[in-house]
Each structure stands twice: as C-alpha cells, then as structure tokens.
Amino acid sequence: SERYLDNLAHASELVDGAEDLLRACAGA
C-alpha cells in the first residue's frame, strides 16, 4: 500500500481540457 500511494501521489495527469477550462474561467 505504501509503495502504491507513493507512486499514485506522483501521477498528476489531467483530463483533456482541464487546464484550458480553469484558465478560461479564472477571471469570472
């Protein structure tokens, strides 16, 4: 479990469009 959690904690892949969504909405 400890090894899995360490590996999972460093997996930060985003859903397609997530970064663009937050960038576009940041001003509103």
mmCIF file of all heavy atoms, coordinates in Angstrom:
data_MODEL
# 
_entry.id   MODEL 
# 
loop_
_atom_site.group_PDB 
_atom_site.id 
_atom_site.type_symbol 
_atom_site.label_atom_id 
_atom_site.label_alt_id 
_atom_site.label_comp_id 
_atom_site.label_asym_id 
_atom_site.label_entity_id 
_atom_site.label_seq_id 
_atom_site.pdbx_PDB_ins_code 
_atom_site.Cartn_x 
_atom_site.Cartn_y 
_atom_site.Cartn_z 
_atom_site.occupancy 
_atom_site.B_iso_or_equiv 
_atom_site.pdbx_formal_charge 
_atom_site.auth_seq_id 
_atom_site.auth_comp_id 
_atom_site.auth_asym_id 
_atom_site.auth_atom_id 
_atom_site.pdbx_PDB_model_num 
ATOM 1   N N   . SER A 1 1  ? 0.821   -1.205 0.000   1.00 0.00 ? 1  SER A N   1 
ATOM 2   C CA  . SER A 1 1  ? 0.000   0.000  0.000   1.00 0.00 ? 1  SER A CA  1 
ATOM 3   C C   . SER A 1 1  ? 0.858   1.260  0.000   1.00 0.00 ? 1  SER A C   1 
ATOM 4   O O   . SER A 1 1  ? 0.568   2.221  -0.730  1.00 0.00 ? 1  SER A O   1 
ATOM 5   C CB  . SER A 1 1  ? -0.923  0.005  1.215   1.00 0.00 ? 1  SER A CB  1 
ATOM 6   O OG  . SER A 1 1  ? -1.627  1.220  1.318   1.00 0.00 ? 1  SER A OG  1 
ATOM 7   N N   . GLU A 1 2  ? 1.931   1.265  0.791   1.00 0.00 ? 2  GLU A N   1 
ATOM 8   C CA  . GLU A 1 2  ? 2.808   2.438  0.850   1.00 0.00 ? 2  GLU A CA  1 
ATOM 9   C C   . GLU A 1 2  ? 3.463   2.708  -0.494  1.00 0.00 ? 2  GLU A C   1 
ATOM 10  O O   . GLU A 1 2  ? 3.557   3.859  -0.938  1.00 0.00 ? 2  GLU A O   1 
ATOM 11  C CB  . GLU A 1 2  ? 3.873   2.238  1.932   1.00 0.00 ? 2  GLU A CB  1 
ATOM 12  C CG  . GLU A 1 2  ? 3.337   2.326  3.343   1.00 0.00 ? 2  GLU A CG  1 
ATOM 13  C CD  . GLU A 1 2  ? 2.742   3.694  3.640   1.00 0.00 ? 2  GLU A CD  1 
ATOM 14  O OE1 . GLU A 1 2  ? 3.455   4.702  3.477   1.00 0.00 ? 2  GLU A OE1 1 
ATOM 15  O OE2 . GLU A 1 2  ? 1.558   3.754  4.017   1.00 0.00 ? 2  GLU A OE2 1 
ATOM 16  N N   . ARG A 1 3  ? 3.912   1.651  -1.161  1.00 0.00 ? 3  ARG A N   1 
ATOM 17  C CA  . ARG A 1 3  ? 4.544   1.835  -2.468  1.00 0.00 ? 3  ARG A CA  1 
ATOM 18  C C   . ARG A 1 3  ? 3.522   2.359  -3.482  1.00 0.00 ? 3  ARG A C   1 
ATOM 19  O O   . ARG A 1 3  ? 3.827   3.259  -4.283  1.00 0.00 ? 3  ARG A O   1 
ATOM 20  C CB  . ARG A 1 3  ? 5.126   0.496  -2.970  1.00 0.00 ? 3  ARG A CB  1 
ATOM 21  C CG  . ARG A 1 3  ? 6.258   -0.062 -2.153  1.00 0.00 ? 3  ARG A CG  1 
ATOM 22  C CD  . ARG A 1 3  ? 7.416   0.938  -2.002  1.00 0.00 ? 3  ARG A CD  1 
ATOM 23  N NE  . ARG A 1 3  ? 7.791   1.530  -3.268  1.00 0.00 ? 3  ARG A NE  1 
ATOM 24  C CZ  . ARG A 1 3  ? 7.988   2.848  -3.453  1.00 0.00 ? 3  ARG A CZ  1 
ATOM 25  N NH1 . ARG A 1 3  ? 7.850   3.692  -2.445  1.00 0.00 ? 3  ARG A NH1 1 
ATOM 26  N NH2 . ARG A 1 3  ? 8.329   3.309  -4.638  1.00 0.00 ? 3  ARG A NH2 1 
ATOM 27  N N   . TYR A 1 4  ? 2.337   1.810  -3.450  1.00 0.00 ? 4  TYR A N   1 
ATOM 28  C CA  . TYR A 1 4  ? 1.295   2.260  -4.380  1.00 0.00 ? 4  TYR A CA  1 
ATOM 29  C C   . TYR A 1 4  ? 0.960   3.732  -4.143  1.00 0.00 ? 4  TYR A C   1 
ATOM 30  O O   . TYR A 1 4  ? 0.848   4.514  -5.097  1.00 0.00 ? 4  TYR A O   1 
ATOM 31  C CB  . TYR A 1 4  ? 0.057   1.400  -4.232  1.00 0.00 ? 4  TYR A CB  1 
ATOM 32  C CG  . TYR A 1 4  ? -1.126  1.920  -5.020  1.00 0.00 ? 4  TYR A CG  1 
ATOM 33  C CD1 . TYR A 1 4  ? -1.187  1.753  -6.408  1.00 0.00 ? 4  TYR A CD1 1 
ATOM 34  C CD2 . TYR A 1 4  ? -2.168  2.592  -4.393  1.00 0.00 ? 4  TYR A CD2 1 
ATOM 35  C CE1 . TYR A 1 4  ? -2.254  2.242  -7.138  1.00 0.00 ? 4  TYR A CE1 1 
ATOM 36  C CE2 . TYR A 1 4  ? -3.243  3.086  -5.117  1.00 0.00 ? 4  TYR A CE2 1 
ATOM 37  C CZ  . TYR A 1 4  ? -3.281  2.911  -6.488  1.00 0.00 ? 4  TYR A CZ  1 
ATOM 38  O OH  . TYR A 1 4  ? -4.348  3.409  -7.209  1.00 0.00 ? 4  TYR A OH  1 
ATOM 39  N N   . LEU A 1 5  ? 0.786   4.127  -2.890  1.00 0.00 ? 5  LEU A N   1 
ATOM 40  C CA  . LEU A 1 5  ? 0.426   5.517  -2.600  1.00 0.00 ? 5  LEU A CA  1 
ATOM 41  C C   . LEU A 1 5  ? 1.522   6.479  -3.028  1.00 0.00 ? 5  LEU A C   1 
ATOM 42  O O   . LEU A 1 5  ? 1.243   7.569  -3.536  1.00 0.00 ? 5  LEU A O   1 
ATOM 43  C CB  . LEU A 1 5  ? 0.128   5.672  -1.106  1.00 0.00 ? 5  LEU A CB  1 
ATOM 44  C CG  . LEU A 1 5  ? -1.142  4.980  -0.605  1.00 0.00 ? 5  LEU A CG  1 
ATOM 45  C CD1 . LEU A 1 5  ? -1.253  5.103  0.906   1.00 0.00 ? 5  LEU A CD1 1 
ATOM 46  C CD2 . LEU A 1 5  ? -2.382  5.546  -1.276  1.00 0.00 ? 5  LEU A CD2 1 
ATOM 47  N N   . ASP A 1 6  ? 2.775   6.090  -2.843  1.00 0.00 ? 6  ASP A N   1 
ATOM 48  C CA  . ASP A 1 6  ? 3.880   6.933  -3.313  1.00 0.00 ? 6  ASP A CA  1 
ATOM 49  C C   . ASP A 1 6  ? 3.823   7.103  -4.830  1.00 0.00 ? 6  ASP A C   1 
ATOM 50  O O   . ASP A 1 6  ? 4.010   8.208  -5.355  1.00 0.00 ? 6  ASP A O   1 
ATOM 51  C CB  . ASP A 1 6  ? 5.223   6.320  -2.915  1.00 0.00 ? 6  ASP A CB  1 
ATOM 52  C CG  . ASP A 1 6  ? 5.551   6.538  -1.444  1.00 0.00 ? 6  ASP A CG  1 
ATOM 53  O OD1 . ASP A 1 6  ? 4.923   7.416  -0.827  1.00 0.00 ? 6  ASP A OD1 1 
ATOM 54  O OD2 . ASP A 1 6  ? 6.432   5.821  -0.924  1.00 0.00 ? 6  ASP A OD2 1 
ATOM 55  N N   . ASN A 1 7  ? 3.585   6.005  -5.531  1.00 0.00 ? 7  ASN A N   1 
ATOM 56  C CA  . ASN A 1 7  ? 3.523   6.083  -6.989  1.00 0.00 ? 7  ASN A CA  1 
ATOM 57  C C   . ASN A 1 7  ? 2.316   6.890  -7.459  1.00 0.00 ? 7  ASN A C   1 
ATOM 58  O O   . ASN A 1 7  ? 2.415   7.692  -8.396  1.00 0.00 ? 7  ASN A O   1 
ATOM 59  C CB  . ASN A 1 7  ? 3.479   4.670  -7.580  1.00 0.00 ? 7  ASN A CB  1 
ATOM 60  C CG  . ASN A 1 7  ? 4.792   3.938  -7.422  1.00 0.00 ? 7  ASN A CG  1 
ATOM 61  O OD1 . ASN A 1 7  ? 5.860   4.536  -7.478  1.00 0.00 ? 7  ASN A OD1 1 
ATOM 62  N ND2 . ASN A 1 7  ? 4.727   2.630  -7.208  1.00 0.00 ? 7  ASN A ND2 1 
ATOM 63  N N   . LEU A 1 8  ? 1.178   6.684  -6.814  1.00 0.00 ? 8  LEU A N   1 
ATOM 64  C CA  . LEU A 1 8  ? -0.025  7.403  -7.199  1.00 0.00 ? 8  LEU A CA  1 
ATOM 65  C C   . LEU A 1 8  ? 0.107   8.898  -6.938  1.00 0.00 ? 8  LEU A C   1 
ATOM 66  O O   . LEU A 1 8  ? -0.385  9.725  -7.718  1.00 0.00 ? 8  LEU A O   1 
ATOM 67  C CB  . LEU A 1 8  ? -1.229  6.840  -6.440  1.00 0.00 ? 8  LEU A CB  1 
ATOM 68  C CG  . LEU A 1 8  ? -2.606  7.410  -6.802  1.00 0.00 ? 8  LEU A CG  1 
ATOM 69  C CD1 . LEU A 1 8  ? -2.957  7.102  -8.261  1.00 0.00 ? 8  LEU A CD1 1 
ATOM 70  C CD2 . LEU A 1 8  ? -3.675  6.838  -5.870  1.00 0.00 ? 8  LEU A CD2 1 
ATOM 71  N N   . ALA A 1 9  ? 0.777   9.254  -5.859  1.00 0.00 ? 9  ALA A N   1 
ATOM 72  C CA  . ALA A 1 9  ? 0.915   10.663 -5.493  1.00 0.00 ? 9  ALA A CA  1 
ATOM 73  C C   . ALA A 1 9  ? 1.698   11.457 -6.528  1.00 0.00 ? 9  ALA A C   1 
ATOM 74  O O   . ALA A 1 9  ? 1.587   12.687 -6.586  1.00 0.00 ? 9  ALA A O   1 
ATOM 75  C CB  . ALA A 1 9  ? 1.584   10.782 -4.130  1.00 0.00 ? 9  ALA A CB  1 
ATOM 76  N N   . HIS A 1 10 ? 2.477   10.778 -7.342  1.00 0.00 ? 10 HIS A N   1 
ATOM 77  C CA  . HIS A 1 10 ? 3.283   11.479 -8.345  1.00 0.00 ? 10 HIS A CA  1 
ATOM 78  C C   . HIS A 1 10 ? 2.700   11.340 -9.755  1.00 0.00 ? 10 HIS A C   1 
ATOM 79  O O   . HIS A 1 10 ? 3.374   11.658 -10.738 1.00 0.00 ? 10 HIS A O   1 
ATOM 80  C CB  . HIS A 1 10 ? 4.720   10.967 -8.302  1.00 0.00 ? 10 HIS A CB  1 
ATOM 81  C CG  . HIS A 1 10 ? 5.451   11.379 -7.059  1.00 0.00 ? 10 HIS A CG  1 
ATOM 82  N ND1 . HIS A 1 10 ? 5.390   10.650 -5.887  1.00 0.00 ? 10 HIS A ND1 1 
ATOM 83  C CD2 . HIS A 1 10 ? 6.206   12.465 -6.788  1.00 0.00 ? 10 HIS A CD2 1 
ATOM 84  C CE1 . HIS A 1 10 ? 6.102   11.261 -4.955  1.00 0.00 ? 10 HIS A CE1 1 
ATOM 85  N NE2 . HIS A 1 10 ? 6.603   12.352 -5.472  1.00 0.00 ? 10 HIS A NE2 1 
ATOM 86  N N   . ALA A 1 11 ? 1.454   10.918 -9.833  1.00 0.00 ? 11 ALA A N   1 
ATOM 87  C CA  . ALA A 1 11 ? 0.778   10.804 -11.132 1.00 0.00 ? 11 ALA A CA  1 
ATOM 88  C C   . ALA A 1 11 ? -0.247  11.919 -11.231 1.00 0.00 ? 11 ALA A C   1 
ATOM 89  O O   . ALA A 1 11 ? -1.318  11.845 -10.634 1.00 0.00 ? 11 ALA A O   1 
ATOM 90  C CB  . ALA A 1 11 ? 0.112   9.436  -11.257 1.00 0.00 ? 11 ALA A CB  1 
ATOM 91  N N   . SER A 1 12 ? 0.088   12.978 -11.945 1.00 0.00 ? 12 SER A N   1 
ATOM 92  C CA  . SER A 1 12 ? -0.746  14.180 -11.978 1.00 0.00 ? 12 SER A CA  1 
ATOM 93  C C   . SER A 1 12 ? -1.327  14.465 -13.358 1.00 0.00 ? 12 SER A C   1 
ATOM 94  O O   . SER A 1 12 ? -1.591  15.617 -13.706 1.00 0.00 ? 12 SER A O   1 
ATOM 95  C CB  . SER A 1 12 ? 0.075   15.394 -11.511 1.00 0.00 ? 12 SER A CB  1 
ATOM 96  O OG  . SER A 1 12 ? 0.527   15.226 -10.193 1.00 0.00 ? 12 SER A OG  1 
ATOM 97  N N   . GLU A 1 13 ? -1.531  13.418 -14.157 1.00 0.00 ? 13 GLU A N   1 
ATOM 98  C CA  . GLU A 1 13 ? -2.088  13.621 -15.482 1.00 0.00 ? 13 GLU A CA  1 
ATOM 99  C C   . GLU A 1 13 ? -3.493  14.224 -15.382 1.00 0.00 ? 13 GLU A C   1 
ATOM 100 O O   . GLU A 1 13 ? -4.285  13.863 -14.512 1.00 0.00 ? 13 GLU A O   1 
ATOM 101 C CB  . GLU A 1 13 ? -2.166  12.306 -16.253 1.00 0.00 ? 13 GLU A CB  1 
ATOM 102 C CG  . GLU A 1 13 ? -0.815  11.665 -16.538 1.00 0.00 ? 13 GLU A CG  1 
ATOM 103 C CD  . GLU A 1 13 ? -0.343  10.739 -15.437 1.00 0.00 ? 13 GLU A CD  1 
ATOM 104 O OE1 . GLU A 1 13 ? -0.945  10.781 -14.333 1.00 0.00 ? 13 GLU A OE1 1 
ATOM 105 O OE2 . GLU A 1 13 ? 0.615   9.993  -15.670 1.00 0.00 ? 13 GLU A OE2 1 
ATOM 106 N N   . LEU A 1 14 ? -3.796  15.156 -16.288 1.00 0.00 ? 14 LEU A N   1 
ATOM 107 C CA  . LEU A 1 14 ? -5.075  15.849 -16.271 1.00 0.00 ? 14 LEU A CA  1 
ATOM 108 C C   . LEU A 1 14 ? -6.015  15.295 -17.330 1.00 0.00 ? 14 LEU A C   1 
ATOM 109 O O   . LEU A 1 14 ? -5.577  14.760 -18.358 1.00 0.00 ? 14 LEU A O   1 
ATOM 110 C CB  . LEU A 1 14 ? -4.875  17.344 -16.525 1.00 0.00 ? 14 LEU A CB  1 
ATOM 111 C CG  . LEU A 1 14 ? -4.001  18.096 -15.529 1.00 0.00 ? 14 LEU A CG  1 
ATOM 112 C CD1 . LEU A 1 14 ? -3.847  19.548 -15.967 1.00 0.00 ? 14 LEU A CD1 1 
ATOM 113 C CD2 . LEU A 1 14 ? -4.576  18.017 -14.120 1.00 0.00 ? 14 LEU A CD2 1 
ATOM 114 N N   . VAL A 1 15 ? -7.300  15.435 -17.071 1.00 0.00 ? 15 VAL A N   1 
ATOM 115 C CA  . VAL A 1 15 ? -8.302  15.169 -18.093 1.00 0.00 ? 15 VAL A CA  1 
ATOM 116 C C   . VAL A 1 15 ? -8.138  16.196 -19.213 1.00 0.00 ? 15 VAL A C   1 
ATOM 117 O O   . VAL A 1 15 ? -7.828  17.362 -18.963 1.00 0.00 ? 15 VAL A O   1 
ATOM 118 C CB  . VAL A 1 15 ? -9.719  15.247 -17.488 1.00 0.00 ? 15 VAL A CB  1 
ATOM 119 C CG1 . VAL A 1 15 ? -10.790 15.181 -18.566 1.00 0.00 ? 15 VAL A CG1 1 
ATOM 120 C CG2 . VAL A 1 15 ? -9.918  14.125 -16.471 1.00 0.00 ? 15 VAL A CG2 1 
ATOM 121 N N   . ASP A 1 16 ? -8.343  15.773 -20.437 1.00 0.00 ? 16 ASP A N   1 
ATOM 122 C CA  . ASP A 1 16 ? -8.195  16.673 -21.578 1.00 0.00 ? 16 ASP A CA  1 
ATOM 123 C C   . ASP A 1 16 ? -9.103  17.892 -21.413 1.00 0.00 ? 16 ASP A C   1 
ATOM 124 O O   . ASP A 1 16 ? -10.303 17.759 -21.203 1.00 0.00 ? 16 ASP A O   1 
ATOM 125 C CB  . ASP A 1 16 ? -8.560  15.922 -22.865 1.00 0.00 ? 16 ASP A CB  1 
ATOM 126 C CG  . ASP A 1 16 ? -8.317  16.762 -24.107 1.00 0.00 ? 16 ASP A CG  1 
ATOM 127 O OD1 . ASP A 1 16 ? -7.294  17.475 -24.154 1.00 0.00 ? 16 ASP A OD1 1 
ATOM 128 O OD2 . ASP A 1 16 ? -9.163  16.732 -25.022 1.00 0.00 ? 16 ASP A OD2 1 
ATOM 129 N N   . GLY A 1 17 ? -8.509  19.059 -21.500 1.00 0.00 ? 17 GLY A N   1 
ATOM 130 C CA  . GLY A 1 17 ? -9.266  20.294 -21.408 1.00 0.00 ? 17 GLY A CA  1 
ATOM 131 C C   . GLY A 1 17 ? -9.319  20.913 -20.034 1.00 0.00 ? 17 GLY A C   1 
ATOM 132 O O   . GLY A 1 17 ? -9.845  22.024 -19.869 1.00 0.00 ? 17 GLY A O   1 
ATOM 133 N N   . ALA A 1 18 ? -8.782  20.242 -19.002 1.00 0.00 ? 18 ALA A N   1 
ATOM 134 C CA  . ALA A 1 18 ? -8.894  20.746 -17.633 1.00 0.00 ? 18 ALA A CA  1 
ATOM 135 C C   . ALA A 1 18 ? -8.144  22.065 -17.448 1.00 0.00 ? 18 ALA A C   1 
ATOM 136 O O   . ALA A 1 18 ? -8.676  23.025 -16.871 1.00 0.00 ? 18 ALA A O   1 
ATOM 137 C CB  . ALA A 1 18 ? -8.379  19.703 -16.649 1.00 0.00 ? 18 ALA A CB  1 
ATOM 138 N N   . GLU A 1 19 ? -6.921  22.113 -17.918 1.00 0.00 ? 19 GLU A N   1 
ATOM 139 C CA  . GLU A 1 19 ? -6.126  23.328 -17.743 1.00 0.00 ? 19 GLU A CA  1 
ATOM 140 C C   . GLU A 1 19 ? -6.747  24.497 -18.505 1.00 0.00 ? 19 GLU A C   1 
ATOM 141 O O   . GLU A 1 19 ? -6.853  25.620 -17.992 1.00 0.00 ? 19 GLU A O   1 
ATOM 142 C CB  . GLU A 1 19 ? -4.692  23.081 -18.216 1.00 0.00 ? 19 GLU A CB  1 
ATOM 143 C CG  . GLU A 1 19 ? -3.735  24.206 -17.887 1.00 0.00 ? 19 GLU A CG  1 
ATOM 144 C CD  . GLU A 1 19 ? -2.296  23.855 -18.234 1.00 0.00 ? 19 GLU A CD  1 
ATOM 145 O OE1 . GLU A 1 19 ? -2.059  22.740 -18.746 1.00 0.00 ? 19 GLU A OE1 1 
ATOM 146 O OE2 . GLU A 1 19 ? -1.421  24.697 -17.981 1.00 0.00 ? 19 GLU A OE2 1 
ATOM 147 N N   . ASP A 1 20 ? -7.210  24.240 -19.709 1.00 0.00 ? 20 ASP A N   1 
ATOM 148 C CA  . ASP A 1 20 ? -7.839  25.282 -20.519 1.00 0.00 ? 20 ASP A CA  1 
ATOM 149 C C   . ASP A 1 20 ? -9.124  25.787 -19.865 1.00 0.00 ? 20 ASP A C   1 
ATOM 150 O O   . ASP A 1 20 ? -9.415  26.984 -19.873 1.00 0.00 ? 20 ASP A O   1 
ATOM 151 C CB  . ASP A 1 20 ? -8.135  24.734 -21.920 1.00 0.00 ? 20 ASP A CB  1 
ATOM 152 C CG  . ASP A 1 20 ? -8.753  25.780 -22.822 1.00 0.00 ? 20 ASP A CG  1 
ATOM 153 O OD1 . ASP A 1 20 ? -8.164  26.860 -22.993 1.00 0.00 ? 20 ASP A OD1 1 
ATOM 154 O OD2 . ASP A 1 20 ? -9.853  25.530 -23.356 1.00 0.00 ? 20 ASP A OD2 1 
ATOM 155 N N   . LEU A 1 21 ? -9.904  24.875 -19.283 1.00 0.00 ? 21 LEU A N   1 
ATOM 156 C CA  . LEU A 1 21 ? -11.146 25.245 -18.611 1.00 0.00 ? 21 LEU A CA  1 
ATOM 157 C C   . LEU A 1 21 ? -10.880 26.219 -17.469 1.00 0.00 ? 21 LEU A C   1 
ATOM 158 O O   . LEU A 1 21 ? -11.524 27.274 -17.365 1.00 0.00 ? 21 LEU A O   1 
ATOM 159 C CB  . LEU A 1 21 ? -11.835 23.987 -18.078 1.00 0.00 ? 21 LEU A CB  1 
ATOM 160 C CG  . LEU A 1 21 ? -12.993 24.196 -17.108 1.00 0.00 ? 21 LEU A CG  1 
ATOM 161 C CD1 . LEU A 1 21 ? -14.147 24.926 -17.772 1.00 0.00 ? 21 LEU A CD1 1 
ATOM 162 C CD2 . LEU A 1 21 ? -13.463 22.851 -16.540 1.00 0.00 ? 21 LEU A CD2 1 
ATOM 163 N N   . LEU A 1 22 ? -9.941  25.886 -16.605 1.00 0.00 ? 22 LEU A N   1 
ATOM 164 C CA  . LEU A 1 22 ? -9.675  26.751 -15.464 1.00 0.00 ? 22 LEU A CA  1 
ATOM 165 C C   . LEU A 1 22 ? -9.061  28.075 -15.888 1.00 0.00 ? 22 LEU A C   1 
ATOM 166 O O   . LEU A 1 22 ? -9.360  29.127 -15.304 1.00 0.00 ? 22 LEU A O   1 
ATOM 167 C CB  . LEU A 1 22 ? -8.785  26.039 -14.450 1.00 0.00 ? 22 LEU A CB  1 
ATOM 168 C CG  . LEU A 1 22 ? -9.535  25.284 -13.343 1.00 0.00 ? 22 LEU A CG  1 
ATOM 169 C CD1 . LEU A 1 22 ? -10.441 24.199 -13.919 1.00 0.00 ? 22 LEU A CD1 1 
ATOM 170 C CD2 . LEU A 1 22 ? -8.582  24.702 -12.312 1.00 0.00 ? 22 LEU A CD2 1 
ATOM 171 N N   . ARG A 1 23 ? -8.241  28.051 -16.897 1.00 0.00 ? 23 ARG A N   1 
ATOM 172 C CA  . ARG A 1 23 ? -7.653  29.288 -17.391 1.00 0.00 ? 23 ARG A CA  1 
ATOM 173 C C   . ARG A 1 23 ? -8.736  30.216 -17.946 1.00 0.00 ? 23 ARG A C   1 
ATOM 174 O O   . ARG A 1 23 ? -8.751  31.427 -17.666 1.00 0.00 ? 23 ARG A O   1 
ATOM 175 C CB  . ARG A 1 23 ? -6.620  28.990 -18.480 1.00 0.00 ? 23 ARG A CB  1 
ATOM 176 C CG  . ARG A 1 23 ? -5.862  30.235 -18.945 1.00 0.00 ? 23 ARG A CG  1 
ATOM 177 C CD  . ARG A 1 23 ? -4.968  29.937 -20.127 1.00 0.00 ? 23 ARG A CD  1 
ATOM 178 N NE  . ARG A 1 23 ? -4.006  28.883 -19.839 1.00 0.00 ? 23 ARG A NE  1 
ATOM 179 C CZ  . ARG A 1 23 ? -4.011  27.689 -20.422 1.00 0.00 ? 23 ARG A CZ  1 
ATOM 180 N NH1 . ARG A 1 23 ? -4.955  27.386 -21.320 1.00 0.00 ? 23 ARG A NH1 1 
ATOM 181 N NH2 . ARG A 1 23 ? -3.102  26.797 -20.132 1.00 0.00 ? 23 ARG A NH2 1 
ATOM 182 N N   . ALA A 1 24 ? -9.667  29.634 -18.710 1.00 0.00 ? 24 ALA A N   1 
ATOM 183 C CA  . ALA A 1 24 ? -10.716 30.445 -19.330 1.00 0.00 ? 24 ALA A CA  1 
ATOM 184 C C   . ALA A 1 24 ? -11.677 31.026 -18.299 1.00 0.00 ? 24 ALA A C   1 
ATOM 185 O O   . ALA A 1 24 ? -12.230 32.111 -18.491 1.00 0.00 ? 24 ALA A O   1 
ATOM 186 C CB  . ALA A 1 24 ? -11.486 29.604 -20.344 1.00 0.00 ? 24 ALA A CB  1 
ATOM 187 N N   . CYS A 1 25 ? -11.889 30.297 -17.201 1.00 0.00 ? 25 CYS A N   1 
ATOM 188 C CA  . CYS A 1 25 ? -12.874 30.713 -16.190 1.00 0.00 ? 25 CYS A CA  1 
ATOM 189 C C   . CYS A 1 25 ? -12.269 31.537 -15.062 1.00 0.00 ? 25 CYS A C   1 
ATOM 190 O O   . CYS A 1 25 ? -13.011 32.032 -14.198 1.00 0.00 ? 25 CYS A O   1 
ATOM 191 C CB  . CYS A 1 25 ? -13.556 29.488 -15.603 1.00 0.00 ? 25 CYS A CB  1 
ATOM 192 S SG  . CYS A 1 25 ? -14.616 28.576 -16.752 1.00 0.00 ? 25 CYS A SG  1 
ATOM 193 N N   . ALA A 1 26 ? -10.954 31.691 -15.053 1.00 0.00 ? 26 ALA A N   1 
ATOM 194 C CA  . ALA A 1 26 ? -10.282 32.278 -13.898 1.00 0.00 ? 26 ALA A CA  1 
ATOM 195 C C   . ALA A 1 26 ? -10.720 33.708 -13.614 1.00 0.00 ? 26 ALA A C   1 
ATOM 196 O O   . ALA A 1 26 ? -10.761 34.130 -12.458 1.00 0.00 ? 26 ALA A O   1 
ATOM 197 C CB  . ALA A 1 26 ? -8.778  32.215 -14.089 1.00 0.00 ? 26 ALA A CB  1 
ATOM 198 N N   . GLY A 1 27 ? -11.061 34.454 -14.617 1.00 0.00 ? 27 GLY A N   1 
ATOM 199 C CA  . GLY A 1 27 ? -11.432 35.846 -14.378 1.00 0.00 ? 27 GLY A CA  1 
ATOM 200 C C   . GLY A 1 27 ? -12.842 36.038 -13.877 1.00 0.00 ? 27 GLY A C   1 
ATOM 201 O O   . GLY A 1 27 ? -13.177 37.106 -13.351 1.00 0.00 ? 27 GLY A O   1 
ATOM 202 N N   . ALA A 1 28 ? -13.678 35.014 -14.009 1.00 0.00 ? 28 ALA A N   1 
ATOM 203 C CA  . ALA A 1 28 ? -15.102 35.167 -13.691 1.00 0.00 ? 28 ALA A CA  1 
ATOM 204 C C   . ALA A 1 28 ? -15.537 34.420 -12.445 1.00 0.00 ? 28 ALA A C   1 
ATOM 205 O O   . ALA A 1 28 ? -16.596 34.735 -11.883 1.00 0.00 ? 28 ALA A O   1 
ATOM 206 C CB  . ALA A 1 28 ? -15.939 34.694 -14.883 1.00 0.00 ? 28 ALA A CB  1 
# 
